[in-house]
Amino acid sequence: MIRLTVLLVVIGICLAALILSNDGSRILGLQSDDFGRFVYLLPIALMLSAGIWGSRRSVGETMRQMMIWLVIILALVTVYLYRQEALGVGNRLLAGLVPGRAVVVTTSEGGNEVILHKLLNGHFEADVNVNGRKVEMLVDTGASMVALSHEDAERIGIDLTGLTYSMTVMTANGRSRAAPITLDQVAIGPIVRNNVAASVAEDGRLDQSLLGMSFLETLDSMQMQTDELRLRD
């Protein structure tokens, strides 16, 4: 009990010194950040030491316990150091299983790159935020602009009563009319564009909204690699 009290007092003094210190100051020869890590790790080290000491039966048993804890600590450190890589693998796995889910990576230059995976139908689809609402879109380089189906436009709150269907467009259902509009914001992952030219198709004339060139041409690059489409901001 006395030992525990002494340890708690020591930890309390260390915390007080850390709180009262200024940024960049040194405590016991250590920078305040390094001293803070030491104070954080001290109770863990004491707990592990107490567990090993309390379970000792022989030198061999003590060594075995130490090796087990060493492996656990190394595993935790490895997971922490490679957490970003593990998160990237998980995102890629989800992107391959969930249609439209994009993988966001950081390029060597510090920019953002969005990776889309090809679907079984051979197309690339993406969950795109349009004016703050999610719309499932087909990536279409043949479309001159972002094209919203009548249903999607109505769902995200576009006023359809004042639209003028003055454009002639070709869709999978043949020639139809579309109304030109300007979208406040179009975003796919961290890639965000404002005031994007778009159109709204007549009711029943467009089965799926299209992510067209009025958005795609603003990208730094767009590359297709096997079953991946890479959009770089």
Foldseek 3Di string as FASTA:
>chain_A
DVVVVVVVVVLVVLVVCLVPDDQQDDDPNHHSVVSVVVSVCVVVVVVLVVVLVVPDDDPVSSVVSVVVVVVVVVVVVVCVVCVVVVVQVVQVVVLVVDAQRWRWDADPVRFIKIKHFADPVRWTWHFKQFLNDTFIATEDAVDAFWEAEQVVCVVVPHDPPPFDQPDWDQAPQGIFTKGKDWTQWMDGPPDIDGRFIYIYTPHPPYPGIYHYDSRQVVFPDWDDDDRMIMTID
